[in-house]
């Protein structure tokens, strides 16, 4: 009789354990379903982010390449094109810039004229400003931005290009530069010219 009672107690304990295990299994199944739904949502969100990122990169590639290539074309007879590539390195997206001409890639800093780099750097600055939201004040200060650019024709063209950019985008450009082209051409390409001459250690400003 005692053995039957003990067996019944053990059976009831086993039933209780079974119920606990079943409850635990149900909780685990519920969590698995939730996690699966969450995983699907995360995967969809990641895909959306990937598509948006890709489209943004494509827009940036076009915007930066187009503006800079147009600037180079406005100054040089046989211009480079600026190419933009987004690449994955060390789990990060990095941007590579290089020049292209006649189907060949050129490293701007080592295999092209530094004057071309000066023009490209100016255009990149304008491209970045044009993409700012909200935009900063539309005044850009430049300290001899084209000091490596050689040739009177090229220096005249770059001043014409700056004036056109200023007029079309509504940017006030204040630039310090040495005299590289005839004074008349400089006056024609600027709204206001301040010429600084030093005499006996004193700076004198002449306004045109």
N, C-alpha and C. Protein backbone atom coordinates (compact mmCIF):
# COMPACT_ATOMS: atom_id res chain seq x y z
N UNK A 1 0.83 -1.21 0.00
CA UNK A 1 0.00 0.00 0.00
C UNK A 1 0.86 1.25 0.00
N UNK A 2 1.90 1.23 0.82
CA UNK A 2 2.83 2.37 0.89
C UNK A 2 3.51 2.56 -0.45
N UNK A 3 3.91 1.46 -1.10
CA UNK A 3 4.57 1.55 -2.40
C UNK A 3 3.67 2.19 -3.44
N UNK A 4 2.38 1.84 -3.43
CA UNK A 4 1.43 2.42 -4.39
C UNK A 4 1.30 3.92 -4.15
N UNK A 5 1.23 4.31 -2.88
CA UNK A 5 1.12 5.74 -2.55
C UNK A 5 2.35 6.51 -3.05
N UNK A 6 3.52 5.92 -2.80
CA UNK A 6 4.77 6.57 -3.25
C UNK A 6 4.82 6.68 -4.77
N UNK A 7 4.35 5.63 -5.42
CA UNK A 7 4.34 5.65 -6.89
C UNK A 7 3.40 6.73 -7.41
N UNK A 8 2.26 6.87 -6.74
CA UNK A 8 1.31 7.91 -7.14
C UNK A 8 1.93 9.31 -6.97
N UNK A 9 2.64 9.50 -5.86
CA UNK A 9 3.29 10.79 -5.61
C UNK A 9 4.34 11.09 -6.70
N UNK A 10 5.12 10.03 -6.99
CA UNK A 10 6.12 10.21 -8.05
C UNK A 10 5.47 10.54 -9.38
N UNK A 11 4.34 9.86 -9.64
CA UNK A 11 3.62 10.10 -10.89
C UNK A 11 3.12 11.55 -10.95
N UNK A 12 2.58 12.04 -9.83
CA UNK A 12 2.09 13.41 -9.79
C UNK A 12 3.24 14.40 -9.99
N UNK A 13 4.39 14.09 -9.36
CA UNK A 13 5.55 14.97 -9.54
C UNK A 13 5.98 14.99 -11.01
N UNK A 14 5.98 13.81 -11.62
CA UNK A 14 6.35 13.71 -13.03
C UNK A 14 5.37 14.50 -13.92
N UNK A 15 4.07 14.38 -13.55
CA UNK A 15 3.07 15.13 -14.31
C UNK A 15 3.33 16.64 -14.18
N UNK A 16 3.66 17.07 -12.96
CA UNK A 16 3.96 18.49 -12.73
C UNK A 16 5.17 18.93 -13.53
N UNK A 17 6.21 18.06 -13.51
CA UNK A 17 7.41 18.38 -14.28
C UNK A 17 7.10 18.43 -15.78
N UNK A 18 6.23 17.51 -16.22
CA UNK A 18 5.85 17.48 -17.63
C UNK A 18 5.14 18.78 -18.02
N UNK A 19 4.23 19.22 -17.12
CA UNK A 19 3.51 20.46 -17.41
C UNK A 19 4.48 21.65 -17.48
N UNK A 20 5.45 21.68 -16.55
CA UNK A 20 6.45 22.75 -16.55
C UNK A 20 7.28 22.73 -17.84
N UNK A 21 7.68 21.51 -18.22
CA UNK A 21 8.47 21.37 -19.45
C UNK A 21 7.67 21.82 -20.66
N UNK A 22 6.37 21.40 -20.70
CA UNK A 22 5.51 21.80 -21.82
C UNK A 22 5.34 23.32 -21.87
N UNK A 23 5.17 23.93 -20.66
CA UNK A 23 5.04 25.39 -20.60
C UNK A 23 6.33 26.07 -21.09
N UNK A 24 7.46 25.50 -20.66
CA UNK A 24 8.75 26.06 -21.09
C UNK A 24 8.93 25.93 -22.60
N UNK A 25 8.54 24.76 -23.13
CA UNK A 25 8.63 24.55 -24.58
C UNK A 25 7.75 25.54 -25.33
N UNK A 26 6.56 25.77 -24.79
CA UNK A 26 5.64 26.71 -25.44
C UNK A 26 6.22 28.12 -25.44
N UNK A 27 6.85 28.49 -24.31
CA UNK A 27 7.49 29.80 -24.22
C UNK A 27 8.64 29.93 -25.22
N UNK A 28 9.41 28.84 -25.33
CA UNK A 28 10.54 28.84 -26.27
C UNK A 28 10.02 28.95 -27.70
N UNK A 29 8.95 28.19 -28.02
CA UNK A 29 8.38 28.25 -29.37
C UNK A 29 7.88 29.67 -29.68
N UNK A 30 7.23 30.29 -28.69
CA UNK A 30 6.72 31.64 -28.88
C UNK A 30 7.88 32.62 -29.14
N UNK A 31 8.96 32.47 -28.35
CA UNK A 31 10.13 33.34 -28.54
C UNK A 31 10.77 33.12 -29.90
N UNK A 32 10.83 31.85 -30.32
CA UNK A 32 11.39 31.55 -31.64
C UNK A 32 10.59 32.21 -32.74
N UNK A 33 9.25 32.15 -32.64
CA UNK A 33 8.39 32.79 -33.64
C UNK A 33 8.62 34.30 -33.67
N UNK A 34 8.70 34.89 -32.47
CA UNK A 34 8.94 36.33 -32.39
C UNK A 34 10.29 36.69 -33.00
N UNK A 35 11.30 35.87 -32.65
CA UNK A 35 12.64 36.14 -33.17
C UNK A 35 12.69 35.98 -34.69
N UNK A 36 11.95 35.00 -35.22
CA UNK A 36 11.90 34.82 -36.67
C UNK A 36 11.26 36.02 -37.34
N UNK A 37 10.15 36.51 -36.76
CA UNK A 37 9.50 37.70 -37.31
C UNK A 37 10.43 38.90 -37.24
N UNK A 38 11.11 39.03 -36.09
CA UNK A 38 12.05 40.14 -35.92
C UNK A 38 13.20 40.04 -36.92
N UNK A 39 13.69 38.81 -37.15
CA UNK A 39 14.79 38.60 -38.10
C UNK A 39 14.35 38.98 -39.51
N UNK A 40 13.13 38.59 -39.88
CA UNK A 40 12.62 38.93 -41.21
C UNK A 40 12.52 40.45 -41.37
N UNK A 41 12.01 41.13 -40.31
CA UNK A 41 11.90 42.58 -40.37
C UNK A 41 13.27 43.24 -40.47
N UNK A 42 14.24 42.71 -39.69
CA UNK A 42 15.60 43.26 -39.74
C UNK A 42 16.23 43.05 -41.11
N UNK A 43 15.99 41.89 -41.70
CA UNK A 43 16.53 41.61 -43.03
C UNK A 43 15.93 42.55 -44.07
N UNK A 44 14.61 42.78 -43.94
CA UNK A 44 13.95 43.71 -44.86
C UNK A 44 14.50 45.12 -44.67
N UNK A 45 14.66 45.52 -43.41
CA UNK A 45 15.18 46.86 -43.12
C UNK A 45 16.61 47.00 -43.65
N UNK A 46 17.41 45.96 -43.46
CA UNK A 46 18.79 46.00 -43.96
C UNK A 46 18.83 46.11 -45.47
N UNK A 47 17.91 45.42 -46.14
CA UNK A 47 17.84 45.48 -47.60
C UNK A 47 17.42 46.88 -48.06
N UNK A 48 16.49 47.48 -47.32
CA UNK A 48 16.07 48.85 -47.66
C UNK A 48 17.24 49.81 -47.49
N UNK A 49 17.97 49.66 -46.37
CA UNK A 49 19.13 50.51 -46.13
C UNK A 49 20.18 50.30 -47.23
N UNK A 50 20.36 49.05 -47.65
CA UNK A 50 21.34 48.76 -48.70
C UNK A 50 20.95 49.43 -50.02
N UNK A 51 19.65 49.34 -50.35
CA UNK A 51 19.17 49.94 -51.61
C UNK A 51 19.29 51.47 -51.55
N UNK A 52 18.87 52.05 -50.41
CA UNK A 52 18.98 53.50 -50.26
C UNK A 52 20.44 53.94 -50.32
N UNK A 53 21.31 53.18 -49.64
CA UNK A 53 22.73 53.50 -49.66
C UNK A 53 23.30 53.44 -51.07
N UNK A 54 22.89 52.41 -51.82
CA UNK A 54 23.39 52.24 -53.19
C UNK A 54 22.93 53.39 -54.07
N UNK A 55 21.65 53.77 -53.94
CA UNK A 55 21.13 54.87 -54.75
C UNK A 55 21.80 56.19 -54.36
N UNK A 56 22.05 56.36 -53.06
CA UNK A 56 22.74 57.57 -52.60
C UNK A 56 24.15 57.63 -53.18
N UNK A 57 24.84 56.49 -53.14
CA UNK A 57 26.18 56.44 -53.72
C UNK A 57 26.16 56.77 -55.20
N UNK A 58 25.18 56.23 -55.92
CA UNK A 58 25.07 56.49 -57.35
C UNK A 58 24.82 57.97 -57.61
N UNK A 59 23.97 58.59 -56.79
CA UNK A 59 23.70 60.02 -56.94
C UNK A 59 24.95 60.84 -56.64
N UNK A 60 25.67 60.44 -55.58
CA UNK A 60 26.90 61.14 -55.24
C UNK A 60 27.94 60.99 -56.34
N UNK A 61 28.05 59.77 -56.87
CA UNK A 61 29.00 59.53 -57.96
C UNK A 61 28.71 60.46 -59.13
N UNK A 62 27.45 60.53 -59.52
CA UNK A 62 27.09 61.37 -60.67
C UNK A 62 27.32 62.84 -60.35
N UNK A 63 26.84 63.28 -59.18
CA UNK A 63 26.92 64.69 -58.81
C UNK A 63 28.37 65.16 -58.73
N UNK A 64 29.19 64.42 -58.00
CA UNK A 64 30.59 64.81 -57.83
C UNK A 64 31.35 64.71 -59.14
N UNK A 65 31.19 63.60 -59.84
CA UNK A 65 31.90 63.38 -61.10
C UNK A 65 31.50 64.43 -62.13
N UNK A 66 30.20 64.70 -62.23
CA UNK A 66 29.71 65.61 -63.25
C UNK A 66 30.24 67.02 -63.04
N UNK A 67 30.09 67.55 -61.82
CA UNK A 67 30.52 68.91 -61.54
C UNK A 67 32.02 69.06 -61.74
N UNK A 68 32.79 68.11 -61.21
CA UNK A 68 34.25 68.22 -61.31
C UNK A 68 34.73 68.05 -62.75
N UNK A 69 34.15 67.13 -63.47
CA UNK A 69 34.54 66.92 -64.86
C UNK A 69 34.21 68.14 -65.72
N UNK A 70 33.07 68.79 -65.44
CA UNK A 70 32.71 70.00 -66.17
C UNK A 70 33.70 71.13 -65.88
N UNK A 71 34.15 71.23 -64.62
CA UNK A 71 35.13 72.25 -64.27
C UNK A 71 36.46 72.01 -64.99
N UNK A 72 36.90 70.76 -65.03
CA UNK A 72 38.15 70.43 -65.73
C UNK A 72 38.02 70.71 -67.23
N UNK A 73 36.84 70.40 -67.76
CA UNK A 73 36.60 70.64 -69.18
C UNK A 73 36.58 72.12 -69.51
N UNK A 74 36.13 72.94 -68.55
CA UNK A 74 36.06 74.38 -68.78
C UNK A 74 37.43 75.04 -68.80
N UNK A 75 38.43 74.37 -68.22
CA UNK A 75 39.76 74.97 -68.09
C UNK A 75 40.77 74.39 -69.07
N UNK A 76 40.72 73.08 -69.30
CA UNK A 76 41.76 72.41 -70.08
C UNK A 76 41.24 71.97 -71.46
N UNK A 77 42.14 71.99 -72.44
CA UNK A 77 41.78 71.55 -73.79
C UNK A 77 41.63 70.03 -73.88
N UNK A 78 42.46 69.32 -73.15
CA UNK A 78 42.40 67.85 -73.15
C UNK A 78 42.18 67.39 -71.71
N UNK A 79 40.97 67.58 -71.20
CA UNK A 79 40.74 67.42 -69.75
C UNK A 79 40.63 65.97 -69.31
N UNK A 80 40.91 65.78 -68.03
CA UNK A 80 40.61 64.50 -67.38
C UNK A 80 39.13 64.49 -67.01
N UNK A 81 38.62 63.30 -66.77
CA UNK A 81 37.32 63.13 -66.11
C UNK A 81 37.59 62.67 -64.68
N UNK A 82 36.82 63.15 -63.74
CA UNK A 82 36.94 62.65 -62.37
C UNK A 82 36.00 61.46 -62.20
N UNK A 83 36.54 60.35 -61.75
CA UNK A 83 35.75 59.15 -61.51
C UNK A 83 35.65 58.91 -60.01
N UNK A 84 34.48 58.47 -59.57
CA UNK A 84 34.23 58.22 -58.15
C UNK A 84 33.80 56.77 -57.99
N UNK A 85 34.47 56.06 -57.09
CA UNK A 85 34.13 54.67 -56.81
C UNK A 85 34.00 54.46 -55.30
N UNK A 86 32.91 53.81 -54.89
CA UNK A 86 32.73 53.45 -53.49
C UNK A 86 33.12 51.99 -53.32
N UNK A 87 34.04 51.72 -52.41
CA UNK A 87 34.55 50.37 -52.20
C UNK A 87 34.48 50.01 -50.73
N UNK A 88 34.38 48.70 -50.46
CA UNK A 88 34.34 48.20 -49.09
C UNK A 88 35.74 47.80 -48.64
N UNK A 89 36.20 48.42 -47.56
CA UNK A 89 37.49 48.07 -46.97
C UNK A 89 37.33 48.02 -45.44
N UNK A 90 37.79 46.95 -44.87
CA UNK A 90 37.74 46.80 -43.40
C UNK A 90 36.33 47.06 -42.88
N UNK A 91 35.33 46.48 -43.58
CA UNK A 91 33.92 46.60 -43.21
C UNK A 91 33.42 48.04 -43.21
N UNK A 92 34.09 48.90 -43.98
CA UNK A 92 33.66 50.28 -44.11
C UNK A 92 33.60 50.66 -45.58
N UNK A 93 32.70 51.58 -45.89
CA UNK A 93 32.60 52.08 -47.26
C UNK A 93 33.53 53.28 -47.41
N UNK A 94 34.44 53.18 -48.37
CA UNK A 94 35.37 54.27 -48.63
C UNK A 94 35.19 54.75 -50.07
N UNK A 95 35.57 56.00 -50.30
CA UNK A 95 35.40 56.61 -51.62
C UNK A 95 36.77 56.81 -52.27
N UNK A 96 36.94 56.26 -53.45
CA UNK A 96 38.17 56.42 -54.23
C UNK A 96 37.92 57.43 -55.35
N UNK A 97 38.84 58.38 -55.49
CA UNK A 97 38.76 59.37 -56.57
C UNK A 97 39.96 59.19 -57.49
N UNK A 98 39.71 59.18 -58.78
CA UNK A 98 40.82 59.10 -59.73
C UNK A 98 40.42 59.80 -61.02
N UNK A 99 41.44 60.17 -61.77
CA UNK A 99 41.21 60.78 -63.07
C UNK A 99 41.16 59.71 -64.14
N UNK A 100 40.44 60.02 -65.22
CA UNK A 100 40.37 59.09 -66.35
C UNK A 100 40.48 59.89 -67.64
N UNK A 101 41.32 59.39 -68.53
CA UNK A 101 41.44 60.02 -69.84
C UNK A 101 41.86 58.97 -70.86
N UNK A 102 41.15 58.96 -71.99
CA UNK A 102 41.43 57.97 -73.05
C UNK A 102 41.36 56.54 -72.52
N UNK A 103 40.43 56.30 -71.60
CA UNK A 103 40.22 54.96 -71.08
C UNK A 103 41.20 54.51 -70.02
N UNK A 104 42.14 55.37 -69.63
CA UNK A 104 43.15 54.99 -68.63
C UNK A 104 42.91 55.71 -67.31
N UNK A 105 43.08 54.97 -66.22
CA UNK A 105 42.97 55.55 -64.89
C UNK A 105 44.28 56.24 -64.51
N UNK A 106 44.16 57.37 -63.85
CA UNK A 106 45.34 58.13 -63.43
C UNK A 106 45.17 58.55 -61.98
N UNK A 107 46.22 58.35 -61.19
CA UNK A 107 46.20 58.82 -59.81
C UNK A 107 46.39 60.34 -59.83
N UNK A 108 45.40 61.10 -59.35
CA UNK A 108 45.49 62.56 -59.44
C UNK A 108 46.74 63.15 -58.79
N UNK A 109 47.17 62.58 -57.67
CA UNK A 109 48.25 63.19 -56.91
C UNK A 109 49.64 62.83 -57.41
N UNK A 110 49.76 61.75 -58.16
CA UNK A 110 51.10 61.32 -58.57
C UNK A 110 51.29 61.26 -60.08
N UNK A 111 50.22 61.18 -60.83
CA UNK A 111 50.38 60.96 -62.27
C UNK A 111 49.70 62.02 -63.13
N UNK A 112 49.24 63.12 -62.52
CA UNK A 112 48.62 64.18 -63.30
C UNK A 112 49.24 65.51 -62.90
N UNK A 113 48.99 66.52 -63.70
CA UNK A 113 49.48 67.84 -63.35
C UNK A 113 48.79 68.36 -62.10
N UNK A 114 49.56 69.03 -61.22
CA UNK A 114 48.98 69.52 -59.97
C UNK A 114 47.95 70.61 -60.24
N UNK A 115 48.09 71.30 -61.37
CA UNK A 115 47.08 72.29 -61.73
C UNK A 115 45.71 71.67 -61.90
N UNK A 116 45.67 70.47 -62.48
CA UNK A 116 44.39 69.76 -62.63
C UNK A 116 43.82 69.40 -61.27
N UNK A 117 44.69 69.04 -60.34
CA UNK A 117 44.24 68.73 -58.98
C UNK A 117 43.66 69.97 -58.32
N UNK A 118 44.28 71.13 -58.54
CA UNK A 118 43.75 72.38 -57.98
C UNK A 118 42.33 72.64 -58.47
N UNK A 119 42.12 72.48 -59.78
CA UNK A 119 40.79 72.72 -60.35
C UNK A 119 39.78 71.71 -59.81
N UNK A 120 40.19 70.44 -59.73
CA UNK A 120 39.31 69.40 -59.21
C UNK A 120 38.96 69.66 -57.75
N UNK A 121 39.95 70.09 -56.96
CA UNK A 121 39.71 70.37 -55.54
C UNK A 121 38.69 71.50 -55.37
N UNK A 122 38.81 72.54 -56.20
CA UNK A 122 37.83 73.63 -56.15
C UNK A 122 36.43 73.12 -56.49
N UNK A 123 36.34 72.32 -57.56
CA UNK A 123 35.03 71.80 -57.98
C UNK A 123 34.44 70.88 -56.92
N UNK A 124 35.27 70.07 -56.27
CA UNK A 124 34.78 69.19 -55.20
C UNK A 124 34.23 70.00 -54.04
N UNK A 125 34.89 71.09 -53.74
CA UNK A 125 34.41 71.94 -52.65
C UNK A 125 33.03 72.52 -53.00
N UNK A 126 32.88 72.96 -54.24
CA UNK A 126 31.59 73.49 -54.67
C UNK A 126 30.52 72.39 -54.66
N UNK A 127 30.90 71.19 -55.12
CA UNK A 127 29.95 70.07 -55.14
C UNK A 127 29.49 69.72 -53.73
N UNK A 128 30.42 69.70 -52.78
CA UNK A 128 30.07 69.39 -51.39
C UNK A 128 29.16 70.47 -50.81
N UNK A 129 29.48 71.73 -51.10
CA UNK A 129 28.64 72.82 -50.59
C UNK A 129 27.22 72.71 -51.15
N UNK A 130 27.10 72.37 -52.43
CA UNK A 130 25.79 72.31 -53.07
C UNK A 130 24.93 71.19 -52.50
N UNK A 131 25.56 70.17 -51.86
CA UNK A 131 24.80 69.06 -51.30
C UNK A 131 24.46 69.25 -49.82
N UNK A 132 24.96 70.30 -49.20
CA UNK A 132 24.70 70.52 -47.79
C UNK A 132 23.22 70.82 -47.55
N UNK A 133 22.68 70.20 -46.51
CA UNK A 133 21.29 70.44 -46.11
C UNK A 133 21.23 70.54 -44.59
N UNK A 134 20.93 71.69 -44.01
CA UNK A 134 20.79 72.97 -44.70
C UNK A 134 22.15 73.51 -45.11
N UNK A 135 22.16 74.39 -46.10
CA UNK A 135 23.41 74.94 -46.60
C UNK A 135 23.99 75.96 -45.61
N UNK A 136 25.31 76.01 -45.58
CA UNK A 136 25.97 77.03 -44.79
C UNK A 136 25.91 78.35 -45.56
N UNK A 137 26.45 79.37 -44.99
CA UNK A 137 26.44 80.68 -45.64
C UNK A 137 27.11 80.57 -47.02
N UNK A 138 26.51 81.23 -48.00
CA UNK A 138 26.99 81.10 -49.38
C UNK A 138 28.18 82.01 -49.68
N UNK A 139 29.18 81.92 -48.84
CA UNK A 139 30.44 82.64 -49.05
C UNK A 139 31.58 81.66 -48.90
N UNK A 140 32.45 81.62 -49.89
CA UNK A 140 33.59 80.71 -49.87
C UNK A 140 34.88 81.51 -49.97
N UNK A 141 35.79 81.25 -49.05
CA UNK A 141 37.10 81.93 -49.04
C UNK A 141 38.16 80.99 -49.60
N UNK A 142 38.96 81.50 -50.52
CA UNK A 142 39.99 80.69 -51.15
C UNK A 142 41.33 81.43 -51.09
N UNK A 143 42.36 80.73 -50.65
CA UNK A 143 43.70 81.30 -50.57
C UNK A 143 44.59 80.65 -51.62
N UNK A 144 44.78 81.33 -52.73
CA UNK A 144 45.58 80.84 -53.85
C UNK A 144 45.23 79.39 -54.21
N UNK A 145 43.98 79.15 -54.55
CA UNK A 145 43.53 77.78 -54.82
C UNK A 145 44.11 77.19 -56.11
N UNK A 146 44.62 78.06 -57.00
CA UNK A 146 45.14 77.56 -58.29
C UNK A 146 46.61 77.92 -58.47
N UNK A 147 47.34 77.86 -57.37
CA UNK A 147 48.75 78.29 -57.42
C UNK A 147 49.62 77.37 -58.27
N UNK A 148 49.16 76.14 -58.55
CA UNK A 148 49.94 75.22 -59.38
C UNK A 148 49.50 75.22 -60.84
N UNK A 149 48.48 76.01 -61.15
CA UNK A 149 47.95 76.02 -62.51
C UNK A 149 48.83 76.90 -63.40
N UNK A 150 49.33 76.30 -64.47
CA UNK A 150 50.24 77.02 -65.37
C UNK A 150 49.50 77.41 -66.66
N UNK A 151 50.00 78.49 -67.28
CA UNK A 151 49.45 78.93 -68.55
C UNK A 151 48.48 80.09 -68.40
N UNK A 152 48.71 81.15 -69.19
CA UNK A 152 47.81 82.31 -69.13
C UNK A 152 46.40 81.93 -69.55
N UNK A 153 46.31 81.12 -70.61
CA UNK A 153 44.99 80.74 -71.11
C UNK A 153 44.21 79.96 -70.05
N UNK A 154 44.88 79.01 -69.39
CA UNK A 154 44.23 78.20 -68.37
C UNK A 154 43.80 79.06 -67.17
N UNK A 155 44.67 80.00 -66.77
CA UNK A 155 44.34 80.86 -65.63
C UNK A 155 43.20 81.82 -65.96
N UNK A 156 43.13 82.25 -67.21
CA UNK A 156 42.01 83.09 -67.62
C UNK A 156 40.72 82.28 -67.61
N UNK A 157 40.78 81.07 -68.13
CA UNK A 157 39.60 80.21 -68.16
C UNK A 157 39.11 79.89 -66.76
N UNK A 158 40.04 79.70 -65.82
CA UNK A 158 39.61 79.33 -64.47
C UNK A 158 38.89 80.49 -63.80
N UNK A 159 39.32 81.73 -64.08
CA UNK A 159 38.61 82.89 -63.54
C UNK A 159 37.22 83.00 -64.16
N UNK A 160 37.11 82.73 -65.45
CA UNK A 160 35.79 82.75 -66.11
C UNK A 160 34.89 81.67 -65.53
N UNK A 161 35.48 80.51 -65.25
CA UNK A 161 34.71 79.40 -64.66
C UNK A 161 34.21 79.77 -63.26
N UNK A 162 35.06 80.40 -62.47
CA UNK A 162 34.67 80.80 -61.11
C UNK A 162 33.52 81.81 -61.16
N UNK A 163 33.62 82.77 -62.11
CA UNK A 163 32.56 83.78 -62.22
C UNK A 163 31.24 83.13 -62.60
N UNK A 164 31.29 82.15 -63.50
CA UNK A 164 30.07 81.47 -63.92
C UNK A 164 29.46 80.66 -62.77
N UNK A 165 30.31 79.98 -62.01
CA UNK A 165 29.84 79.21 -60.85
C UNK A 165 29.19 80.14 -59.84
N UNK A 166 29.85 81.28 -59.59
CA UNK A 166 29.33 82.25 -58.62
C UNK A 166 27.96 82.77 -59.04
N UNK A 167 27.82 83.08 -60.32
CA UNK A 167 26.55 83.63 -60.81
C UNK A 167 25.43 82.60 -60.80
N UNK A 168 25.74 81.37 -61.23
CA UNK A 168 24.71 80.34 -61.35
C UNK A 168 24.25 79.82 -59.99
N UNK A 169 25.17 79.70 -59.04
CA UNK A 169 24.83 79.13 -57.74
C UNK A 169 24.59 80.19 -56.67
N UNK A 170 24.84 81.44 -57.00
CA UNK A 170 24.63 82.50 -56.02
C UNK A 170 25.64 82.45 -54.88
N UNK A 171 26.87 82.09 -55.20
CA UNK A 171 27.92 82.00 -54.17
C UNK A 171 28.84 83.21 -54.28
N UNK A 172 29.13 83.80 -53.14
CA UNK A 172 30.13 84.86 -53.11
C UNK A 172 31.49 84.21 -52.89
N UNK A 173 32.38 84.40 -53.84
CA UNK A 173 33.72 83.79 -53.75
C UNK A 173 34.75 84.89 -53.55
N UNK A 174 35.45 84.82 -52.44
CA UNK A 174 36.52 85.76 -52.12
C UNK A 174 37.83 85.00 -52.25
N UNK A 175 38.68 85.44 -53.16
CA UNK A 175 39.88 84.66 -53.48
C UNK A 175 41.13 85.54 -53.46
N UNK A 176 42.16 85.01 -52.83
CA UNK A 176 43.49 85.63 -52.87
C UNK A 176 44.28 84.95 -53.98
N UNK A 177 44.89 85.76 -54.85
CA UNK A 177 45.64 85.17 -55.96
C UNK A 177 46.75 86.10 -56.39
N UNK A 178 47.82 85.52 -56.93
CA UNK A 178 48.86 86.35 -57.51
C UNK A 178 48.48 86.71 -58.94
N UNK A 179 49.25 87.57 -59.55
CA UNK A 179 48.92 88.06 -60.88
C UNK A 179 49.48 87.11 -61.93
N UNK A 180 48.60 86.41 -62.64
CA UNK A 180 49.02 85.42 -63.61
C UNK A 180 48.54 85.74 -65.02
N UNK A 181 47.59 86.62 -65.13
CA UNK A 181 47.07 87.00 -66.44
C UNK A 181 47.03 88.53 -66.51
N UNK A 182 46.86 89.09 -67.69
CA UNK A 182 46.79 90.55 -67.79
C UNK A 182 45.75 91.15 -66.85
N UNK A 183 46.07 92.30 -66.31
CA UNK A 183 45.21 92.94 -65.32
C UNK A 183 43.79 93.16 -65.85
N UNK A 184 43.69 93.52 -67.13
CA UNK A 184 42.39 93.78 -67.73
C UNK A 184 41.50 92.54 -67.69
N UNK A 185 42.11 91.38 -67.95
CA UNK A 185 41.35 90.13 -67.92
C UNK A 185 40.87 89.80 -66.51
N UNK A 186 41.72 90.10 -65.54
CA UNK A 186 41.34 89.85 -64.14
C UNK A 186 40.18 90.75 -63.74
N UNK A 187 40.25 92.03 -64.12
CA UNK A 187 39.17 92.97 -63.78
C UNK A 187 37.87 92.53 -64.43
N UNK A 188 37.94 92.05 -65.67
CA UNK A 188 36.74 91.63 -66.38
C UNK A 188 36.07 90.42 -65.74
N UNK A 189 36.88 89.55 -65.13
CA UNK A 189 36.35 88.30 -64.56
C UNK A 189 35.91 88.44 -63.11
N UNK A 190 36.10 89.62 -62.52
CA UNK A 190 35.74 89.78 -61.10
C UNK A 190 34.73 90.91 -60.93
N UNK A 191 33.98 90.83 -59.82
CA UNK A 191 33.05 91.92 -59.50
C UNK A 191 33.78 93.05 -58.78
N UNK A 192 34.79 92.67 -57.99
CA UNK A 192 35.55 93.67 -57.23
C UNK A 192 36.98 93.16 -57.09
N UNK A 193 37.93 94.04 -57.38
CA UNK A 193 39.34 93.65 -57.31
C UNK A 193 40.07 94.56 -56.34
N UNK A 194 40.78 93.94 -55.39
CA UNK A 194 41.62 94.67 -54.46
C UNK A 194 43.06 94.26 -54.71
N UNK A 195 43.87 95.20 -55.16
CA UNK A 195 45.27 94.89 -55.43
C UNK A 195 46.12 95.40 -54.27
N UNK A 196 46.95 94.53 -53.73
CA UNK A 196 47.79 94.88 -52.59
C UNK A 196 49.24 94.99 -53.04
N UNK A 197 49.84 96.15 -52.81
CA UNK A 197 51.24 96.37 -53.12
C UNK A 197 51.97 96.81 -51.87
N UNK A 198 53.19 96.33 -51.72
CA UNK A 198 53.97 96.67 -50.54
C UNK A 198 55.07 97.67 -50.94
N UNK A 199 55.11 98.77 -50.25
CA UNK A 199 56.14 99.80 -50.49
C UNK A 199 56.69 100.27 -49.17
N UNK A 200 58.01 100.13 -49.03
CA UNK A 200 58.68 100.50 -47.77
C UNK A 200 58.08 99.76 -46.58
N UNK A 201 57.72 98.48 -46.80
CA UNK A 201 57.19 97.66 -45.72
C UNK A 201 55.75 97.95 -45.37
N UNK A 202 55.09 98.80 -46.15
CA UNK A 202 53.70 99.18 -45.88
C UNK A 202 52.83 98.66 -47.01
N UNK A 203 51.72 97.98 -46.66
CA UNK A 203 50.79 97.45 -47.66
C UNK A 203 49.83 98.55 -48.10
N UNK A 204 49.74 98.73 -49.40
CA UNK A 204 48.81 99.69 -49.97
C UNK A 204 47.77 98.95 -50.80
N UNK A 205 46.50 99.29 -50.64
CA UNK A 205 45.41 98.61 -51.35
C UNK A 205 44.84 99.51 -52.42
N UNK A 206 44.78 98.98 -53.63
CA UNK A 206 44.18 99.70 -54.75
C UNK A 206 42.91 98.97 -55.14
N UNK A 207 41.82 99.69 -55.21
CA UNK A 207 40.53 99.11 -55.52
C UNK A 207 40.16 99.34 -56.97
N UNK A 208 39.69 98.25 -57.63
CA UNK A 208 39.22 98.36 -59.01
C UNK A 208 37.72 98.05 -59.04
